[in-house]
Amino acid sequence: MTNMTPQRTGRCRLCRPSQEPNDYTLFLRQWVRSPARLGAIVPSSRHLAEAVCAPVPERGEPVVVELGAGTGPFTAEIQRRLGGRGRHLAVEIDPLLARRLRDRHPGAEVIQRDAVHLRHLLAERGMERADVVVSGLPWALFPPATQHRLLDATAAVLAPAGAFTAFTYLHAVPLTPARRFRDLLADRFEEVVPSRTIWRNTPPAFVLHARRPRT
């Protein structure tokens, strides 16, 4: 007599719901698609995020703008420092990364646009000035025209006593685009101070703290 009892089988691997990629996998995938937009193959470390976000005020209702938010290491640190205060605009041009940022950080206003339109993006939301602009953009990979446009847009929205922070990798320091970026910062800000090298980042990096934009 034939046994008609169906046999129990394990669930087909192909039938399992796909899992969201982790930050490293997503970052690497987007880097392969557009390396000039990301500039690194791994997300920034918590140690670099703390140094970059140091100018975020501990009191009041500041407006903080984040450029090139990526997978959100700086976004998380800004949100932690704000603790629900002020406004946090996170600008990210990549649609997949922007979608993940919205899901993960509902307290931030994620904008999927090019950062060169920064003044217009603030005006659309009823703001004229930012107290702090935090950058996760790969400045050393940008051509001169892009560096000029982005820095012009940044300086145009910063308050007179505002602060701008960006980082650069240690190995990029002698490269012409990195030197050009530092020269542009000196032209557009009254004070530019580099941090100590952050060795606990891959690759090692340091932060450039710029204050008081020139008008």
N, C-alpha and C. Protein backbone atom coordinates (compact mmCIF):
# COMPACT_ATOMS: atom_id res chain seq x y z
N MET A 1 0.85 -1.20 0.00
CA MET A 1 0.00 0.00 0.00
C MET A 1 0.88 1.24 0.00
N THR A 2 0.54 2.16 -0.86
CA THR A 2 1.37 3.35 -0.97
C THR A 2 1.10 4.31 0.18
N ASN A 3 2.17 4.84 0.78
CA ASN A 3 2.04 5.81 1.86
C ASN A 3 1.71 7.17 1.27
N MET A 4 0.50 7.67 1.54
CA MET A 4 0.05 8.93 0.97
C MET A 4 0.34 10.12 1.88
N THR A 5 0.99 9.88 3.04
CA THR A 5 1.28 10.98 3.96
C THR A 5 2.37 11.86 3.37
N PRO A 6 2.11 13.14 3.20
CA PRO A 6 3.15 14.00 2.60
C PRO A 6 4.35 14.10 3.51
N GLN A 7 5.50 14.10 2.89
CA GLN A 7 6.74 14.22 3.66
C GLN A 7 6.99 15.68 4.01
N ARG A 8 7.51 15.91 5.22
CA ARG A 8 7.86 17.25 5.66
C ARG A 8 9.21 17.63 5.07
N THR A 9 9.25 18.74 4.48
CA THR A 9 10.51 19.20 3.89
C THR A 9 10.85 20.56 4.44
N GLY A 10 12.13 20.89 4.42
CA GLY A 10 12.55 22.21 4.86
C GLY A 10 12.07 23.27 3.87
N ARG A 11 11.91 24.49 4.39
CA ARG A 11 11.46 25.58 3.52
C ARG A 11 12.52 25.88 2.47
N CYS A 12 12.04 26.04 1.27
CA CYS A 12 12.94 26.35 0.15
C CYS A 12 13.66 27.66 0.42
N ARG A 13 14.97 27.65 0.25
CA ARG A 13 15.75 28.86 0.50
C ARG A 13 15.31 29.98 -0.42
N LEU A 14 14.92 29.65 -1.62
CA LEU A 14 14.51 30.67 -2.57
C LEU A 14 13.17 31.30 -2.19
N CYS A 15 12.41 30.60 -1.31
CA CYS A 15 11.10 31.11 -0.91
C CYS A 15 11.17 32.01 0.31
N ARG A 16 12.31 32.08 0.96
CA ARG A 16 12.44 32.91 2.16
C ARG A 16 12.42 34.38 1.78
N PRO A 17 11.80 35.19 2.62
CA PRO A 17 11.79 36.62 2.31
C PRO A 17 13.19 37.18 2.35
N SER A 18 13.49 38.03 1.39
CA SER A 18 14.83 38.61 1.33
C SER A 18 15.04 39.55 2.50
N GLN A 19 16.22 39.58 3.04
CA GLN A 19 16.56 40.43 4.16
C GLN A 19 17.18 41.71 3.66
N GLU A 20 16.97 42.78 4.44
CA GLU A 20 17.60 44.05 4.11
C GLU A 20 19.11 43.92 4.25
N PRO A 21 19.89 44.45 3.30
CA PRO A 21 21.34 44.37 3.45
C PRO A 21 21.81 45.22 4.62
N ASN A 22 22.89 44.79 5.27
CA ASN A 22 23.42 45.61 6.36
C ASN A 22 24.10 46.85 5.77
N ASP A 23 24.53 47.74 6.66
CA ASP A 23 25.07 49.02 6.20
C ASP A 23 26.29 48.83 5.31
N TYR A 24 27.17 47.92 5.71
CA TYR A 24 28.39 47.72 4.93
C TYR A 24 28.05 47.21 3.52
N THR A 25 27.14 46.22 3.45
CA THR A 25 26.77 45.66 2.15
C THR A 25 26.10 46.71 1.28
N LEU A 26 25.18 47.47 1.87
CA LEU A 26 24.49 48.50 1.11
C LEU A 26 25.46 49.57 0.64
N PHE A 27 26.36 50.00 1.54
CA PHE A 27 27.32 51.03 1.19
C PHE A 27 28.22 50.56 0.05
N LEU A 28 28.70 49.31 0.15
CA LEU A 28 29.57 48.77 -0.89
C LEU A 28 28.82 48.66 -2.22
N ARG A 29 27.57 48.24 -2.17
CA ARG A 29 26.78 48.11 -3.38
C ARG A 29 26.60 49.46 -4.07
N GLN A 30 26.30 50.49 -3.29
CA GLN A 30 26.12 51.81 -3.86
C GLN A 30 27.45 52.40 -4.33
N TRP A 31 28.53 52.05 -3.65
CA TRP A 31 29.86 52.52 -4.08
C TRP A 31 30.22 51.95 -5.44
N VAL A 32 29.92 50.67 -5.65
CA VAL A 32 30.20 50.04 -6.94
C VAL A 32 29.43 50.75 -8.06
N ARG A 33 28.21 51.15 -7.75
CA ARG A 33 27.38 51.82 -8.76
C ARG A 33 27.88 53.23 -9.05
N SER A 34 28.34 53.93 -8.01
CA SER A 34 28.75 55.33 -8.19
C SER A 34 29.83 55.69 -7.19
N PRO A 35 31.09 55.28 -7.42
CA PRO A 35 32.16 55.53 -6.45
C PRO A 35 32.43 57.00 -6.21
N ALA A 36 32.20 57.86 -7.20
CA ALA A 36 32.48 59.28 -7.03
C ALA A 36 31.53 59.94 -6.03
N ARG A 37 30.36 59.35 -5.83
CA ARG A 37 29.41 59.94 -4.89
C ARG A 37 29.76 59.59 -3.45
N LEU A 38 30.32 58.40 -3.22
CA LEU A 38 30.54 57.94 -1.86
C LEU A 38 31.98 58.14 -1.40
N GLY A 39 32.94 57.82 -2.23
CA GLY A 39 34.32 58.11 -1.91
C GLY A 39 35.01 57.11 -1.02
N ALA A 40 34.29 56.23 -0.36
CA ALA A 40 34.88 55.21 0.50
C ALA A 40 34.09 53.93 0.31
N ILE A 41 34.67 52.81 0.70
CA ILE A 41 33.96 51.54 0.53
C ILE A 41 33.40 51.03 1.85
N VAL A 42 33.59 51.77 2.94
CA VAL A 42 33.00 51.41 4.24
C VAL A 42 32.41 52.66 4.87
N PRO A 43 31.34 52.53 5.65
CA PRO A 43 30.78 53.68 6.33
C PRO A 43 31.76 54.23 7.36
N SER A 44 31.59 55.51 7.70
CA SER A 44 32.44 56.14 8.70
C SER A 44 32.20 55.54 10.08
N SER A 45 33.24 55.53 10.90
CA SER A 45 33.16 54.94 12.23
C SER A 45 32.47 55.89 13.21
N ARG A 46 32.10 55.35 14.36
CA ARG A 46 31.52 56.17 15.43
C ARG A 46 32.50 57.23 15.89
N HIS A 47 33.80 56.92 15.90
CA HIS A 47 34.81 57.87 16.35
C HIS A 47 34.90 59.07 15.41
N LEU A 48 34.82 58.81 14.11
CA LEU A 48 34.83 59.92 13.16
C LEU A 48 33.53 60.71 13.27
N ALA A 49 32.41 60.03 13.45
CA ALA A 49 31.13 60.71 13.57
C ALA A 49 31.12 61.66 14.77
N GLU A 50 31.69 61.24 15.87
CA GLU A 50 31.73 62.10 17.06
C GLU A 50 32.56 63.35 16.80
N ALA A 51 33.67 63.20 16.09
CA ALA A 51 34.52 64.35 15.80
C ALA A 51 33.87 65.31 14.80
N VAL A 52 33.25 64.76 13.78
CA VAL A 52 32.62 65.60 12.76
C VAL A 52 31.43 66.38 13.33
N CYS A 53 30.68 65.75 14.22
CA CYS A 53 29.46 66.36 14.75
C CYS A 53 29.69 67.16 16.03
N ALA A 54 30.92 67.34 16.43
CA ALA A 54 31.21 68.06 17.67
C ALA A 54 30.62 69.47 17.73
N PRO A 55 30.53 70.24 16.62
CA PRO A 55 29.98 71.60 16.72
C PRO A 55 28.47 71.68 16.95
N VAL A 56 27.74 70.57 16.90
CA VAL A 56 26.29 70.62 17.13
C VAL A 56 26.03 71.13 18.55
N PRO A 57 25.31 72.23 18.71
CA PRO A 57 25.12 72.83 20.05
C PRO A 57 24.40 71.90 21.01
N GLU A 58 24.75 72.02 22.28
CA GLU A 58 24.12 71.20 23.32
C GLU A 58 22.83 71.83 23.84
N ARG A 59 22.59 73.11 23.52
CA ARG A 59 21.40 73.79 24.00
C ARG A 59 20.72 74.52 22.85
N GLY A 60 19.50 74.99 23.12
CA GLY A 60 18.77 75.77 22.15
C GLY A 60 18.08 74.93 21.10
N GLU A 61 17.67 75.61 20.01
CA GLU A 61 16.94 74.97 18.91
C GLU A 61 17.71 75.18 17.60
N PRO A 62 18.87 74.57 17.46
CA PRO A 62 19.71 74.82 16.28
C PRO A 62 19.15 74.18 15.01
N VAL A 63 19.53 74.75 13.88
CA VAL A 63 19.28 74.15 12.58
C VAL A 63 20.57 73.49 12.12
N VAL A 64 20.54 72.19 11.96
CA VAL A 64 21.72 71.42 11.56
C VAL A 64 21.45 70.80 10.20
N VAL A 65 22.34 71.04 9.26
CA VAL A 65 22.21 70.48 7.91
C VAL A 65 23.33 69.47 7.70
N GLU A 66 22.97 68.33 7.19
CA GLU A 66 23.94 67.25 6.94
C GLU A 66 23.99 66.99 5.43
N LEU A 67 25.19 67.02 4.88
CA LEU A 67 25.38 66.81 3.45
C LEU A 67 25.96 65.42 3.20
N GLY A 68 25.36 64.66 2.31
CA GLY A 68 25.87 63.33 2.00
C GLY A 68 25.72 62.39 3.18
N ALA A 69 24.48 62.18 3.62
CA ALA A 69 24.24 61.42 4.86
C ALA A 69 24.58 59.94 4.73
N GLY A 70 24.55 59.39 3.52
CA GLY A 70 24.96 57.99 3.32
C GLY A 70 24.10 57.00 4.10
N THR A 71 24.76 56.09 4.82
CA THR A 71 24.05 55.10 5.62
C THR A 71 23.70 55.62 7.01
N GLY A 72 24.14 56.83 7.34
CA GLY A 72 23.66 57.48 8.55
C GLY A 72 24.52 57.49 9.79
N PRO A 73 25.85 57.26 9.73
CA PRO A 73 26.63 57.34 10.97
C PRO A 73 26.64 58.75 11.56
N PHE A 74 26.71 59.77 10.70
CA PHE A 74 26.65 61.14 11.20
C PHE A 74 25.21 61.51 11.59
N THR A 75 24.25 60.98 10.85
CA THR A 75 22.84 61.24 11.16
C THR A 75 22.51 60.79 12.57
N ALA A 76 22.95 59.59 12.92
CA ALA A 76 22.68 59.05 14.25
C ALA A 76 23.32 59.91 15.33
N GLU A 77 24.54 60.36 15.09
CA GLU A 77 25.23 61.18 16.10
C GLU A 77 24.57 62.54 16.24
N ILE A 78 24.14 63.14 15.12
CA ILE A 78 23.44 64.43 15.20
C ILE A 78 22.14 64.27 15.98
N GLN A 79 21.40 63.22 15.68
CA GLN A 79 20.15 62.98 16.39
C GLN A 79 20.39 62.78 17.89
N ARG A 80 21.44 62.08 18.22
CA ARG A 80 21.76 61.85 19.63
C ARG A 80 22.07 63.17 20.32
N ARG A 81 22.84 64.03 19.67
CA ARG A 81 23.23 65.30 20.28
C ARG A 81 22.04 66.27 20.37
N LEU A 82 21.17 66.25 19.38
CA LEU A 82 20.02 67.15 19.42
C LEU A 82 18.99 66.70 20.45
N GLY A 83 18.79 65.41 20.57
CA GLY A 83 17.83 64.92 21.56
C GLY A 83 16.43 65.47 21.36
N GLY A 84 16.01 65.65 20.10
CA GLY A 84 14.67 66.14 19.83
C GLY A 84 14.58 67.65 19.67
N ARG A 85 15.67 68.35 19.85
CA ARG A 85 15.66 69.82 19.71
C ARG A 85 15.87 70.23 18.25
N GLY A 86 15.49 71.43 17.91
CA GLY A 86 15.86 72.05 16.65
C GLY A 86 15.37 71.33 15.41
N ARG A 87 16.08 71.55 14.30
CA ARG A 87 15.78 70.94 13.01
C ARG A 87 17.04 70.27 12.47
N HIS A 88 16.84 69.14 11.86
CA HIS A 88 17.95 68.38 11.28
C HIS A 88 17.56 67.99 9.86
N LEU A 89 18.21 68.62 8.87
CA LEU A 89 17.98 68.29 7.47
C LEU A 89 19.13 67.43 6.98
N ALA A 90 18.82 66.24 6.51
CA ALA A 90 19.84 65.31 6.01
C ALA A 90 19.68 65.19 4.51
N VAL A 91 20.65 65.70 3.76
CA VAL A 91 20.58 65.72 2.29
C VAL A 91 21.36 64.52 1.75
N GLU A 92 20.69 63.69 0.98
CA GLU A 92 21.32 62.50 0.40
C GLU A 92 20.77 62.30 -1.01
N ILE A 93 21.65 62.28 -2.00
CA ILE A 93 21.22 62.21 -3.40
C ILE A 93 20.84 60.80 -3.84
N ASP A 94 21.35 59.78 -3.17
CA ASP A 94 21.08 58.40 -3.56
C ASP A 94 19.70 57.97 -3.04
N PRO A 95 18.78 57.52 -3.90
CA PRO A 95 17.42 57.21 -3.45
C PRO A 95 17.34 56.04 -2.48
N LEU A 96 18.15 55.01 -2.67
CA LEU A 96 18.12 53.85 -1.78
C LEU A 96 18.61 54.22 -0.39
N LEU A 97 19.71 54.98 -0.33
CA LEU A 97 20.22 55.41 0.96
C LEU A 97 19.25 56.37 1.64
N ALA A 98 18.64 57.25 0.86
CA ALA A 98 17.69 58.20 1.44
C ALA A 98 16.50 57.46 2.05
N ARG A 99 16.01 56.43 1.38
CA ARG A 99 14.88 55.67 1.89
C ARG A 99 15.24 54.98 3.21
N ARG A 100 16.43 54.42 3.28
CA ARG A 100 16.82 53.78 4.53
C ARG A 100 16.97 54.80 5.66
N LEU A 101 17.51 55.97 5.34
CA LEU A 101 17.64 57.02 6.36
C LEU A 101 16.28 57.41 6.92
N ARG A 102 15.27 57.56 6.06
CA ARG A 102 13.93 57.93 6.53
C ARG A 102 13.37 56.87 7.46
N ASP A 103 13.58 55.60 7.12
CA ASP A 103 13.07 54.52 7.96
C ASP A 103 13.78 54.47 9.30
N ARG A 104 15.07 54.71 9.29
CA ARG A 104 15.88 54.53 10.49
C ARG A 104 15.90 55.76 11.39
N HIS A 105 15.78 56.96 10.80
CA HIS A 105 15.90 58.19 11.59
C HIS A 105 14.70 59.10 11.31
N PRO A 106 13.54 58.77 11.87
CA PRO A 106 12.34 59.58 11.61
C PRO A 106 12.46 61.01 12.16
N GLY A 107 13.37 61.25 13.07
CA GLY A 107 13.54 62.60 13.62
C GLY A 107 14.26 63.54 12.67
N ALA A 108 14.92 63.00 11.65
CA ALA A 108 15.61 63.82 10.66
C ALA A 108 14.72 64.03 9.44
N GLU A 109 14.83 65.21 8.83
CA GLU A 109 14.11 65.50 7.60
C GLU A 109 15.02 65.14 6.43
N VAL A 110 14.82 63.97 5.87
CA VAL A 110 15.69 63.47 4.81
C VAL A 110 15.23 64.04 3.47
N ILE A 111 16.18 64.63 2.74
CA ILE A 111 15.88 65.26 1.46
C ILE A 111 16.73 64.59 0.38
N GLN A 112 16.08 63.99 -0.59
CA GLN A 112 16.81 63.36 -1.69
C GLN A 112 17.02 64.37 -2.81
N ARG A 113 18.07 65.15 -2.68
CA ARG A 113 18.39 66.18 -3.66
C ARG A 113 19.90 66.38 -3.70
N ASP A 114 20.34 67.17 -4.68
CA ASP A 114 21.75 67.54 -4.79
C ASP A 114 22.02 68.69 -3.83
N ALA A 115 23.13 68.61 -3.09
CA ALA A 115 23.44 69.61 -2.08
C ALA A 115 23.76 70.99 -2.66
N VAL A 116 24.01 71.09 -3.95
CA VAL A 116 24.30 72.40 -4.54
C VAL A 116 23.07 73.30 -4.47
N HIS A 117 21.89 72.73 -4.26
CA HIS A 117 20.66 73.52 -4.16
C HIS A 117 20.31 73.82 -2.71
N LEU A 118 21.29 73.88 -1.86
CA LEU A 118 21.06 73.96 -0.43
C LEU A 118 20.22 75.17 -0.02
N ARG A 119 20.52 76.32 -0.58
CA ARG A 119 19.77 77.52 -0.20
C ARG A 119 18.28 77.37 -0.53
N HIS A 120 18.00 76.82 -1.69
CA HIS A 120 16.61 76.60 -2.09
C HIS A 120 15.94 75.56 -1.20
N LEU A 121 16.66 74.52 -0.81
CA LEU A 121 16.10 73.47 0.03
C LEU A 121 15.69 74.02 1.39
N LEU A 122 16.51 74.91 1.95
CA LEU A 122 16.16 75.53 3.22
C LEU A 122 14.97 76.46 3.06
N ALA A 123 14.97 77.25 1.98
CA ALA A 123 13.88 78.20 1.76
C ALA A 123 12.54 77.48 1.62
N GLU A 124 12.55 76.32 0.96
CA GLU A 124 11.31 75.54 0.81
C GLU A 124 10.73 75.15 2.16
N ARG A 125 11.58 75.06 3.17
CA ARG A 125 11.14 74.63 4.50
C ARG A 125 11.09 75.78 5.49
N GLY A 126 11.07 77.00 4.96
CA GLY A 126 10.89 78.17 5.80
C GLY A 126 12.10 78.57 6.60
N MET A 127 13.29 78.23 6.13
CA MET A 127 14.52 78.56 6.86
C MET A 127 15.46 79.36 5.96
N GLU A 128 16.17 80.30 6.58
CA GLU A 128 17.15 81.08 5.83
C GLU A 128 18.58 80.67 6.17
N ARG A 129 18.81 80.26 7.40
CA ARG A 129 20.17 80.02 7.87
C ARG A 129 20.27 78.69 8.61
N ALA A 130 21.47 78.12 8.57
CA ALA A 130 21.81 76.93 9.35
C ALA A 130 22.87 77.31 10.37
N ASP A 131 22.78 76.74 11.54
CA ASP A 131 23.79 76.99 12.57
C ASP A 131 25.01 76.11 12.37
N VAL A 132 24.79 74.92 11.87
CA VAL A 132 25.88 73.97 11.64
C VAL A 132 25.61 73.23 10.33
N VAL A 133 26.65 73.07 9.52
CA VAL A 133 26.58 72.19 8.35
C VAL A 133 27.64 71.11 8.52
N VAL A 134 27.21 69.88 8.53
CA VAL A 134 28.08 68.71 8.69
C VAL A 134 28.17 68.00 7.35
N SER A 135 29.36 67.73 6.89
CA SER A 135 29.52 67.13 5.56
C SER A 135 30.09 65.72 5.63
N GLY A 136 29.43 64.83 4.90
CA GLY A 136 29.97 63.49 4.68
C GLY A 136 30.34 63.28 3.23
N LEU A 137 30.47 64.37 2.48
CA LEU A 137 30.76 64.29 1.05
C LEU A 137 32.24 64.00 0.78
N PRO A 138 32.55 63.32 -0.32
CA PRO A 138 33.95 63.02 -0.67
C PRO A 138 34.59 64.18 -1.43
N TRP A 139 34.93 65.24 -0.72
CA TRP A 139 35.41 66.46 -1.35
C TRP A 139 36.63 66.24 -2.23
N ALA A 140 37.53 65.37 -1.82
CA ALA A 140 38.76 65.16 -2.58
C ALA A 140 38.51 64.51 -3.94
N LEU A 141 37.32 63.95 -4.16
CA LEU A 141 37.01 63.32 -5.44
C LEU A 141 36.30 64.27 -6.39
N PHE A 142 35.89 65.43 -5.90
CA PHE A 142 35.13 66.35 -6.74
C PHE A 142 36.04 67.20 -7.60
N PRO A 143 35.64 67.49 -8.84
CA PRO A 143 36.40 68.44 -9.67
C PRO A 143 36.28 69.85 -9.10
N PRO A 144 37.15 70.77 -9.53
CA PRO A 144 37.15 72.13 -8.98
C PRO A 144 35.79 72.82 -9.03
N ALA A 145 35.08 72.70 -10.16
CA ALA A 145 33.80 73.39 -10.29
C ALA A 145 32.79 72.90 -9.26
N THR A 146 32.78 71.60 -8.98
CA THR A 146 31.84 71.05 -8.00
C THR A 146 32.21 71.50 -6.60
N GLN A 147 33.50 71.49 -6.28
CA GLN A 147 33.94 71.98 -4.97
C GLN A 147 33.50 73.42 -4.76
N HIS A 148 33.69 74.27 -5.77
CA HIS A 148 33.30 75.67 -5.67
C HIS A 148 31.80 75.81 -5.44
N ARG A 149 31.01 75.11 -6.23
CA ARG A 149 29.56 75.23 -6.12
C ARG A 149 29.05 74.77 -4.76
N LEU A 150 29.58 73.66 -4.26
CA LEU A 150 29.13 73.13 -2.98
C LEU A 150 29.53 74.05 -1.82
N LEU A 151 30.75 74.57 -1.87
CA LEU A 151 31.19 75.45 -0.79
C LEU A 151 30.46 76.79 -0.85
N ASP A 152 30.19 77.29 -2.04
CA ASP A 152 29.41 78.52 -2.18
C ASP A 152 28.02 78.31 -1.57
N ALA A 153 27.39 77.17 -1.88
CA ALA A 153 26.06 76.88 -1.35
C ALA A 153 26.09 76.76 0.17
N THR A 154 27.15 76.16 0.70
CA THR A 154 27.27 75.99 2.15
C THR A 154 27.46 77.32 2.85
N ALA A 155 28.39 78.14 2.35
CA ALA A 155 28.65 79.43 2.97
C ALA A 155 27.44 80.34 2.90
N ALA A 156 26.63 80.19 1.85
CA ALA A 156 25.46 81.06 1.66
C ALA A 156 24.38 80.83 2.70
N VAL A 157 24.31 79.61 3.26
CA VAL A 157 23.24 79.32 4.22
C VAL A 157 23.70 79.36 5.67
N LEU A 158 24.99 79.43 5.92
CA LEU A 158 25.47 79.42 7.30
C LEU A 158 25.24 80.76 7.98
N ALA A 159 24.84 80.71 9.25
CA ALA A 159 24.72 81.91 10.07
C ALA A 159 26.10 82.53 10.26
N PRO A 160 26.16 83.84 10.56
CA PRO A 160 27.46 84.51 10.71
C PRO A 160 28.42 83.81 11.67
N ALA A 161 27.89 83.22 12.73
CA ALA A 161 28.74 82.49 13.69
C ALA A 161 28.66 80.99 13.48
N GLY A 162 28.21 80.59 12.28
CA GLY A 162 28.00 79.17 12.03
C GLY A 162 29.27 78.38 11.86
N ALA A 163 29.12 77.05 11.91
CA ALA A 163 30.26 76.14 11.80
C ALA A 163 30.02 75.13 10.69
N PHE A 164 31.09 74.81 10.00
CA PHE A 164 31.06 73.81 8.95
C PHE A 164 32.15 72.79 9.23
N THR A 165 31.81 71.51 9.15
CA THR A 165 32.81 70.47 9.36
C THR A 165 32.79 69.49 8.19
N ALA A 166 33.98 69.07 7.81
CA ALA A 166 34.15 68.06 6.77
C ALA A 166 35.34 67.20 7.18
N PHE A 167 35.48 66.05 6.56
CA PHE A 167 36.62 65.20 6.88
C PHE A 167 37.36 64.83 5.61
N THR A 168 38.58 64.45 5.78
CA THR A 168 39.38 63.97 4.66
C THR A 168 40.23 62.81 5.16
N TYR A 169 40.51 61.87 4.28
CA TYR A 169 41.31 60.72 4.67
C TYR A 169 42.79 61.09 4.68
N LEU A 170 43.50 60.47 5.58
CA LEU A 170 44.92 60.80 5.77
C LEU A 170 45.72 60.59 4.50
N HIS A 171 45.42 59.52 3.77
CA HIS A 171 46.21 59.22 2.57
C HIS A 171 45.95 60.23 1.45
N ALA A 172 44.84 61.00 1.56
CA ALA A 172 44.50 61.96 0.50
C ALA A 172 45.12 63.33 0.73
N VAL A 173 45.74 63.55 1.89
CA VAL A 173 46.25 64.88 2.23
C VAL A 173 47.17 65.45 1.15
N PRO A 174 48.13 64.71 0.61
CA PRO A 174 49.04 65.31 -0.38
C PRO A 174 48.44 65.45 -1.78
N LEU A 175 47.25 64.92 -2.01
CA LEU A 175 46.67 64.96 -3.35
C LEU A 175 46.17 66.36 -3.69
N THR A 176 46.26 66.70 -4.95
CA THR A 176 45.88 68.05 -5.40
C THR A 176 44.44 68.42 -5.05
N PRO A 177 43.44 67.55 -5.29
CA PRO A 177 42.06 67.94 -4.93
C PRO A 177 41.89 68.23 -3.44
N ALA A 178 42.57 67.46 -2.58
CA ALA A 178 42.46 67.69 -1.14
C ALA A 178 43.10 69.01 -0.75
N ARG A 179 44.25 69.32 -1.33
CA ARG A 179 44.90 70.61 -1.05
C ARG A 179 44.03 71.76 -1.56
N ARG A 180 43.44 71.58 -2.71
CA ARG A 180 42.58 72.62 -3.27
C ARG A 180 41.37 72.86 -2.36
N PHE A 181 40.80 71.79 -1.82
CA PHE A 181 39.66 71.93 -0.92
C PHE A 181 40.04 72.71 0.33
N ARG A 182 41.20 72.42 0.91
CA ARG A 182 41.63 73.16 2.10
C ARG A 182 41.86 74.63 1.78
N ASP A 183 42.39 74.91 0.61
CA ASP A 183 42.59 76.32 0.20
C ASP A 183 41.24 77.03 0.05
N LEU A 184 40.27 76.34 -0.51
CA LEU A 184 38.94 76.93 -0.66
C LEU A 184 38.30 77.21 0.69
N LEU A 185 38.49 76.31 1.63
CA LEU A 185 37.97 76.54 2.97
C LEU A 185 38.58 77.81 3.57
N ALA A 186 39.89 77.97 3.41
CA ALA A 186 40.57 79.14 3.96
C ALA A 186 40.07 80.43 3.30
N ASP A 187 39.68 80.35 2.04
CA ASP A 187 39.15 81.52 1.34
C ASP A 187 37.76 81.90 1.83
N ARG A 188 36.96 80.90 2.21
CA ARG A 188 35.56 81.14 2.52
C ARG A 188 35.25 81.24 4.00
N PHE A 189 36.21 80.89 4.87
CA PHE A 189 35.97 80.93 6.30
C PHE A 189 37.12 81.66 7.01
N GLU A 190 36.78 82.34 8.08
CA GLU A 190 37.79 83.07 8.83
C GLU A 190 38.70 82.15 9.62
N GLU A 191 38.20 80.99 9.99
CA GLU A 191 38.99 80.06 10.81
C GLU A 191 38.80 78.64 10.32
N VAL A 192 39.90 77.93 10.08
CA VAL A 192 39.87 76.53 9.69
C VAL A 192 40.88 75.79 10.56
N VAL A 193 40.40 74.85 11.35
CA VAL A 193 41.26 74.13 12.30
C VAL A 193 41.14 72.63 12.06
N PRO A 194 42.25 71.94 11.77
CA PRO A 194 42.20 70.48 11.61
C PRO A 194 42.22 69.78 12.97
N SER A 195 41.56 68.65 13.03
CA SER A 195 41.58 67.84 14.26
C SER A 195 42.81 66.94 14.28
N ARG A 196 42.97 66.23 15.35
CA ARG A 196 43.97 65.17 15.39
C ARG A 196 43.54 64.02 14.46
N THR A 197 44.51 63.24 14.05
CA THR A 197 44.19 62.09 13.20
C THR A 197 43.33 61.09 13.96
N ILE A 198 42.27 60.65 13.33
CA ILE A 198 41.38 59.66 13.92
C ILE A 198 41.79 58.30 13.38
N TRP A 199 42.63 57.63 14.13
CA TRP A 199 43.18 56.36 13.69
C TRP A 199 42.15 55.24 13.72
N ARG A 200 41.13 55.39 14.58
CA ARG A 200 40.12 54.34 14.73
C ARG A 200 39.00 54.52 13.70
N ASN A 201 39.41 54.79 12.49
CA ASN A 201 38.50 54.86 11.35
C ASN A 201 39.19 54.16 10.20
N THR A 202 38.41 53.62 9.27
CA THR A 202 38.97 52.92 8.12
C THR A 202 38.54 53.65 6.84
N PRO A 203 39.51 54.29 6.16
CA PRO A 203 40.91 54.51 6.55
C PRO A 203 41.02 55.66 7.56
N PRO A 204 42.19 55.85 8.18
CA PRO A 204 42.37 56.96 9.12
C PRO A 204 42.01 58.30 8.48
N ALA A 205 41.45 59.19 9.28
CA ALA A 205 40.97 60.46 8.75
C ALA A 205 41.19 61.56 9.77
N PHE A 206 40.98 62.80 9.32
CA PHE A 206 40.92 63.91 10.27
C PHE A 206 39.85 64.87 9.80
N VAL A 207 39.41 65.71 10.74
CA VAL A 207 38.27 66.60 10.51
C VAL A 207 38.77 68.03 10.37
N LEU A 208 38.15 68.76 9.44
CA LEU A 208 38.42 70.17 9.26
C LEU A 208 37.24 70.96 9.83
N HIS A 209 37.50 71.77 10.85
CA HIS A 209 36.47 72.58 11.49
C HIS A 209 36.61 74.01 10.97
N ALA A 210 35.60 74.50 10.27
CA ALA A 210 35.62 75.85 9.71
C ALA A 210 34.52 76.68 10.38
N ARG A 211 34.86 77.91 10.73
CA ARG A 211 33.89 78.78 11.40
C ARG A 211 33.89 80.16 10.79
N ARG A 212 32.75 80.83 10.96
CA ARG A 212 32.53 82.21 10.54
C ARG A 212 32.76 82.38 9.03
N PRO A 213 31.76 82.07 8.21
CA PRO A 213 31.91 82.21 6.76
C PRO A 213 32.13 83.67 6.37
N ARG A 214 32.99 83.86 5.40
CA ARG A 214 33.22 85.20 4.89
C ARG A 214 32.06 85.59 3.97
N THR A 215 31.68 86.85 4.01
CA THR A 215 30.58 87.33 3.18
C THR A 215 31.15 88.12 2.03
